[in-house]
Amino acid sequence: VELAGGGVLEADRLVCATGFVADAAAHPLVAALAACQGVSVVEGRLLVSDTFGLVQLDRPGRVCGVVGVLARWALPVAGTFAGMKYAARRLAPQIGLDD
């Protein structure tokens, strides 16, 4: 991750909280992923797979997953607490956090 001050941070996992703003373009990081990495957005919604990953960014050993309101494409109730829990449980094994 390139920091605003010019530094670089290496990370195994990155979690970004977006709150409850539903439009993917309203979040600079998400908008940049869509613009620079080819992540598909339709009517403000990220095209999230049924396993809550972004297909354009997923690679062996690397997953870009989405839960919460930005995962509404895969689960219309994703912005609710029950929806977030459901999505997180589906995503956990893919990112090495399974029980």
C-alpha atoms as a PDB file:
ATOM      1  CA  VAL A   1       0.000   0.000   0.000  1.00  0.00           C
ATOM      2  CA  GLU A   2       1.398   3.394  -0.966  1.00  0.00           C
ATOM      3  CA  LEU A   3       0.869   5.960   1.781  1.00  0.00           C
ATOM      4  CA  ALA A   4       0.016   9.611   1.196  1.00  0.00           C
ATOM      5  CA  GLY A   5       3.379  10.713   2.614  1.00  0.00           C
ATOM      6  CA  GLY A   6       5.230   8.653   0.016  1.00  0.00           C
ATOM      7  CA  GLY A   7       5.978   5.641   2.204  1.00  0.00           C
ATOM      8  CA  VAL A   8       5.057   2.059   1.380  1.00  0.00           C
ATOM      9  CA  LEU A   9       3.392  -0.417   3.732  1.00  0.00           C
ATOM     10  CA  GLU A  10       3.581  -4.150   3.026  1.00  0.00           C
ATOM     11  CA  ALA A  11       0.648  -6.162   4.357  1.00  0.00           C
ATOM     12  CA  ASP A  12      -0.718  -9.703   4.216  1.00  0.00           C
ATOM     13  CA  ARG A  13      -4.289  -8.502   4.759  1.00  0.00           C
ATOM     14  CA  LEU A  14      -5.997  -5.168   4.329  1.00  0.00           C
ATOM     15  CA  VAL A  15      -9.412  -4.319   5.733  1.00  0.00           C
ATOM     16  CA  CYS A  16     -11.217  -1.160   4.648  1.00  0.00           C
ATOM     17  CA  ALA A  17     -14.384  -0.049   6.391  1.00  0.00           C
ATOM     18  CA  THR A  18     -16.728   2.004   4.248  1.00  0.00           C
ATOM     19  CA  GLY A  19     -19.631   2.453   6.630  1.00  0.00           C
ATOM     20  CA  PHE A  20     -23.067   2.406   5.073  1.00  0.00           C
ATOM     21  CA  VAL A  21     -22.515   4.417   1.879  1.00  0.00           C
ATOM     22  CA  ALA A  22     -23.918   2.134  -0.806  1.00  0.00           C
ATOM     23  CA  ASP A  23     -22.401   3.710  -3.943  1.00  0.00           C
ATOM     24  CA  ALA A  24     -19.070   2.032  -4.739  1.00  0.00           C
ATOM     25  CA  ALA A  25     -17.820   5.162  -6.516  1.00  0.00           C
ATOM     26  CA  ALA A  26     -18.166   7.178  -3.288  1.00  0.00           C
ATOM     27  CA  HIS A  27     -15.120   5.414  -1.806  1.00  0.00           C
ATOM     28  CA  PRO A  28     -11.769   6.525  -3.295  1.00  0.00           C
ATOM     29  CA  LEU A  29     -10.065   3.129  -2.869  1.00  0.00           C
ATOM     30  CA  VAL A  30     -12.993   1.208  -4.346  1.00  0.00           C
ATOM     31  CA  ALA A  31     -13.369   3.713  -7.190  1.00  0.00           C
ATOM     32  CA  ALA A  32      -9.649   3.347  -7.955  1.00  0.00           C
ATOM     33  CA  LEU A  33      -9.982  -0.454  -8.033  1.00  0.00           C
ATOM     34  CA  ALA A  34     -12.811  -0.112 -10.499  1.00  0.00           C
ATOM     35  CA  ALA A  35     -10.982   2.393 -12.687  1.00  0.00           C
ATOM     36  CA  CYS A  36      -7.464   0.924 -12.609  1.00  0.00           C
ATOM     37  CA  GLN A  37      -8.006  -2.794 -12.074  1.00  0.00           C
ATOM     38  CA  GLY A  38     -11.140  -3.421 -14.122  1.00  0.00           C
ATOM     39  CA  VAL A  39     -13.437  -4.218 -11.215  1.00  0.00           C
ATOM     40  CA  SER A  40     -16.959  -4.180 -12.612  1.00  0.00           C
ATOM     41  CA  VAL A  41     -19.546  -1.759 -11.211  1.00  0.00           C
ATOM     42  CA  VAL A  42     -23.174  -1.661 -12.350  1.00  0.00           C
ATOM     43  CA  GLU A  43     -25.474   1.108 -11.106  1.00  0.00           C
ATOM     44  CA  GLY A  44     -23.114   1.824  -8.203  1.00  0.00           C
ATOM     45  CA  ARG A  45     -22.831  -1.820  -7.166  1.00  0.00           C
ATOM     46  CA  LEU A  46     -19.660  -3.905  -7.280  1.00  0.00           C
ATOM     47  CA  LEU A  47     -20.142  -7.137  -9.226  1.00  0.00           C
ATOM     48  CA  VAL A  48     -19.281  -9.427  -6.327  1.00  0.00           C
ATOM     49  CA  SER A  49     -19.167 -13.212  -6.811  1.00  0.00           C
ATOM     50  CA  ASP A  50     -21.383 -15.512  -4.773  1.00  0.00           C
ATOM     51  CA  THR A  51     -18.342 -16.170  -2.568  1.00  0.00           C
ATOM     52  CA  PHE A  52     -18.018 -12.389  -1.992  1.00  0.00           C
ATOM     53  CA  GLY A  53     -14.799 -11.988  -3.927  1.00  0.00           C
ATOM     54  CA  LEU A  54     -13.985  -9.582  -6.744  1.00  0.00           C
ATOM     55  CA  VAL A  55     -13.299 -11.965  -9.616  1.00  0.00           C
ATOM     56  CA  GLN A  56     -11.073  -9.490 -11.469  1.00  0.00           C
ATOM     57  CA  LEU A  57      -8.658  -9.330  -8.513  1.00  0.00           C
ATOM     58  CA  ASP A  58      -8.767 -12.878  -7.152  1.00  0.00           C
ATOM     59  CA  ARG A  59      -5.678 -14.978  -7.898  1.00  0.00           C
ATOM     60  CA  PRO A  60      -4.272 -18.161  -6.349  1.00  0.00           C
ATOM     61  CA  GLY A  61      -3.128 -17.131  -2.889  1.00  0.00           C
ATOM     62  CA  ARG A  62      -4.734 -13.684  -3.188  1.00  0.00           C
ATOM     63  CA  VAL A  63      -8.365 -12.735  -2.588  1.00  0.00           C
ATOM     64  CA  CYS A  64     -10.061  -9.368  -2.618  1.00  0.00           C
ATOM     65  CA  GLY A  65     -13.292  -9.882  -0.716  1.00  0.00           C
ATOM     66  CA  VAL A  66     -16.218  -7.628   0.056  1.00  0.00           C
ATOM     67  CA  VAL A  67     -18.736  -7.718   2.900  1.00  0.00           C
ATOM     68  CA  GLY A  68     -21.262  -5.168   4.075  1.00  0.00           C
ATOM     69  CA  VAL A  69     -23.245  -2.778   1.934  1.00  0.00           C
ATOM     70  CA  LEU A  70     -20.776  -3.017  -0.981  1.00  0.00           C
ATOM     71  CA  ALA A  71     -21.576  -6.745  -1.317  1.00  0.00           C
ATOM     72  CA  ARG A  72     -25.226  -6.100  -2.232  1.00  0.00           C
ATOM     73  CA  TRP A  73     -24.780  -7.554  -5.733  1.00  0.00           C
ATOM     74  CA  ALA A  74     -24.274 -11.036  -4.277  1.00  0.00           C
ATOM     75  CA  LEU A  75     -26.608 -10.577  -1.301  1.00  0.00           C
ATOM     76  CA  PRO A  76     -29.219  -7.790  -1.359  1.00  0.00           C
ATOM     77  CA  VAL A  77     -29.338  -7.710   2.472  1.00  0.00           C
ATOM     78  CA  ALA A  78     -25.535  -7.527   2.777  1.00  0.00           C
ATOM     79  CA  GLY A  79     -25.736  -4.180   4.568  1.00  0.00           C
ATOM     80  CA  THR A  80     -27.560  -5.698   7.542  1.00  0.00           C
ATOM     81  CA  PHE A  81     -25.691  -7.260  10.454  1.00  0.00           C
ATOM     82  CA  ALA A  82     -27.025 -10.706   9.511  1.00  0.00           C
ATOM     83  CA  GLY A  83     -25.942 -10.144   5.904  1.00  0.00           C
ATOM     84  CA  MET A  84     -22.453  -9.031   6.951  1.00  0.00           C
ATOM     85  CA  LYS A  85     -22.096 -12.101   9.156  1.00  0.00           C
ATOM     86  CA  TYR A  86     -23.242 -14.405   6.345  1.00  0.00           C
ATOM     87  CA  ALA A  87     -20.823 -12.837   3.836  1.00  0.00           C
ATOM     88  CA  ALA A  88     -17.917 -12.898   6.297  1.00  0.00           C
ATOM     89  CA  ARG A  89     -18.463 -16.589   6.997  1.00  0.00           C
ATOM     90  CA  ARG A  90     -18.445 -17.364   3.254  1.00  0.00           C
ATOM     91  CA  LEU A  91     -15.307 -15.297   2.727  1.00  0.00           C
ATOM     92  CA  ALA A  92     -13.318 -16.474   5.774  1.00  0.00           C
ATOM     93  CA  PRO A  93     -12.061 -19.803   4.337  1.00  0.00           C
ATOM     94  CA  GLN A  94     -10.818 -18.054   1.192  1.00  0.00           C
ATOM     95  CA  ILE A  95      -8.611 -15.680   3.168  1.00  0.00           C
ATOM     96  CA  GLY A  96      -7.337 -18.256   5.641  1.00  0.00           C
ATOM     97  CA  LEU A  97      -9.535 -17.329   8.587  1.00  0.00           C
ATOM     98  CA  ASP A  98     -11.665 -20.459   8.746  1.00  0.00           C
ATOM     99  CA  ASP A  99     -12.197 -22.192  12.079  1.00  0.00           C
END
